[in-house]
Amino acid sequence: MRTSDTAVLQLISPEQADDWAGFRLTSDQLERLCAAIPHSSIPDAIATIFDGLDISDDDAACRDPFDEGCRESLDDGQGWAGCCAGCADLMEGLHSEGEWGDDCQPSEDHSRCLTCR
């Protein structure tokens, strides 16, 4: 199964999909299921469930500026720019190459300091 397929199945496990289908699904069937879910009534059902849970936009997740899977809530008010407090603190630790000290090590693209992060 491809990585993009795995992302869709993070909501349900392959075992749960098997259980709901009533039989063990093949990799091809799981792939077809992953492609079909966004075009099914499942997104509408999830939206309905969340409406009933009284979850607001204030409960949004961190925008994950470092692509490390951060999904922390923004509800504590400590972050900024769509980032949770932890990621915002990491972002503050970033600096331009001209400000790097002796211990700083640049990322491959020289966009951030790996040591201070």
Protein backbone atom coordinates (compact mmCIF):
# COMPACT_ATOMS: atom_id res chain seq x y z
CA MET A 1 0.00 0.00 0.00
CA ARG A 2 1.29 3.50 -0.85
CA THR A 3 2.06 6.14 1.83
CA SER A 4 -0.87 8.30 0.71
CA ASP A 5 -3.17 5.31 1.22
CA THR A 6 -1.86 4.83 4.73
CA ALA A 7 -2.77 8.43 5.56
CA VAL A 8 -6.42 7.79 4.72
CA LEU A 9 -6.45 4.63 6.82
CA GLN A 10 -5.15 6.52 9.86
CA LEU A 11 -8.79 7.21 10.68
CA ILE A 12 -9.56 3.51 10.65
CA SER A 13 -7.19 0.58 10.76
CA PRO A 14 -7.05 -2.03 8.01
CA GLU A 15 -8.46 -4.43 10.62
CA GLN A 16 -11.44 -2.10 11.20
CA ALA A 17 -11.99 -1.88 7.43
CA ASP A 18 -11.92 -5.70 7.33
CA ASP A 19 -14.44 -5.86 10.15
CA TRP A 20 -16.80 -3.39 8.47
CA ALA A 21 -16.45 -5.15 5.11
CA GLY A 22 -17.08 -8.53 6.71
CA PHE A 23 -13.96 -10.12 5.24
CA ARG A 24 -10.21 -9.54 5.02
CA LEU A 25 -9.49 -6.94 2.33
CA THR A 26 -6.63 -7.29 -0.12
CA SER A 27 -4.09 -4.49 -0.64
CA ASP A 28 -5.86 -3.61 -3.90
CA GLN A 29 -9.21 -3.42 -2.13
CA LEU A 30 -7.74 -1.22 0.61
CA GLU A 31 -6.27 1.02 -2.09
CA ARG A 32 -9.68 1.31 -3.77
CA LEU A 33 -11.29 2.05 -0.41
CA CYS A 34 -8.76 4.82 0.28
CA ALA A 35 -9.49 6.37 -3.09
CA ALA A 36 -13.27 6.12 -2.54
CA ILE A 37 -13.51 7.49 1.01
CA PRO A 38 -13.02 11.19 0.09
CA HIS A 39 -15.82 10.86 -2.52
CA SER A 40 -18.24 8.99 -0.23
CA SER A 41 -20.66 10.14 2.44
CA ILE A 42 -18.01 9.50 5.10
CA PRO A 43 -16.68 13.11 5.06
CA ASP A 44 -20.27 14.36 5.54
CA ALA A 45 -20.78 11.92 8.40
CA ILE A 46 -17.58 13.11 10.09
CA ALA A 47 -18.68 16.75 9.68
CA THR A 48 -22.04 15.89 11.25
CA ILE A 49 -20.34 14.16 14.18
CA PHE A 50 -18.07 17.15 14.78
CA ASP A 51 -21.01 19.58 14.59
CA GLY A 52 -22.62 17.58 17.38
CA LEU A 53 -19.46 17.75 19.50
CA ASP A 54 -19.53 21.58 19.55
CA ILE A 55 -15.95 21.88 18.32
CA SER A 56 -15.06 25.33 17.03
CA ASP A 57 -12.35 26.70 14.77
CA ASP A 58 -10.59 27.79 17.97
CA ASP A 59 -9.84 24.10 18.51
CA ALA A 60 -7.80 23.91 15.30
CA ALA A 61 -4.53 21.99 15.17
CA CYS A 62 -1.04 23.37 14.68
CA ARG A 63 -0.08 23.98 11.04
CA ASP A 64 3.01 21.82 11.67
CA PRO A 65 5.65 24.14 10.19
CA PHE A 66 8.38 21.48 10.41
CA ASP A 67 6.34 18.62 8.88
CA GLU A 68 6.87 16.43 11.92
CA GLY A 69 3.26 15.42 12.48
CA CYS A 70 2.43 18.03 15.15
CA ARG A 71 -1.31 18.18 15.77
CA GLU A 72 -1.33 20.10 19.05
CA SER A 73 -4.35 22.28 19.72
CA LEU A 74 -4.12 26.05 19.36
CA ASP A 75 -6.58 26.61 22.21
CA ASP A 76 -4.00 27.64 24.84
CA GLY A 77 -3.26 30.97 23.08
CA GLN A 78 0.50 30.56 23.55
CA GLY A 79 1.43 30.00 19.90
CA TRP A 80 1.33 32.29 16.91
CA ALA A 81 1.02 32.21 13.10
CA GLY A 82 -1.12 29.07 13.24
CA CYS A 83 1.47 27.20 15.32
CA CYS A 84 1.13 25.67 18.77
CA ALA A 85 3.31 26.98 21.57
CA GLY A 86 5.95 24.30 21.08
CA CYS A 87 6.33 24.88 17.34
CA ALA A 88 6.22 28.65 17.83
CA ASP A 89 9.08 28.34 20.33
CA LEU A 90 11.03 26.28 17.78
CA MET A 91 10.34 28.89 15.12
CA GLU A 92 11.70 31.61 17.41
CA GLY A 93 14.90 29.55 17.68
CA LEU A 94 15.40 29.80 13.93
CA HIS A 95 17.61 32.55 12.69
CA SER A 96 19.27 33.74 9.54
CA GLU A 97 22.69 32.50 8.51
CA GLY A 98 24.26 35.83 9.48
CA GLU A 99 23.18 35.28 13.10
CA TRP A 100 24.57 31.78 13.45
CA GLY A 101 27.03 31.05 16.20
CA ASP A 102 29.97 28.64 16.30
CA ASP A 103 27.76 25.71 17.36
CA CYS A 104 25.07 26.24 14.72
CA GLN A 105 24.67 23.67 11.96
CA PRO A 106 22.57 24.56 8.89
CA SER A 107 19.88 22.37 7.40
CA GLU A 108 20.58 21.01 3.91
CA ASP A 109 18.84 23.97 2.29
CA HIS A 110 20.38 26.44 4.77
CA SER A 111 16.91 27.66 5.72
CA ARG A 112 17.27 26.94 9.44
CA CYS A 113 19.72 26.08 12.16
CA LEU A 114 19.47 22.45 13.22
CA THR A 115 21.38 22.96 16.46
CA CYS A 116 19.14 25.70 17.87
CA ARG A 117 15.99 23.91 16.89
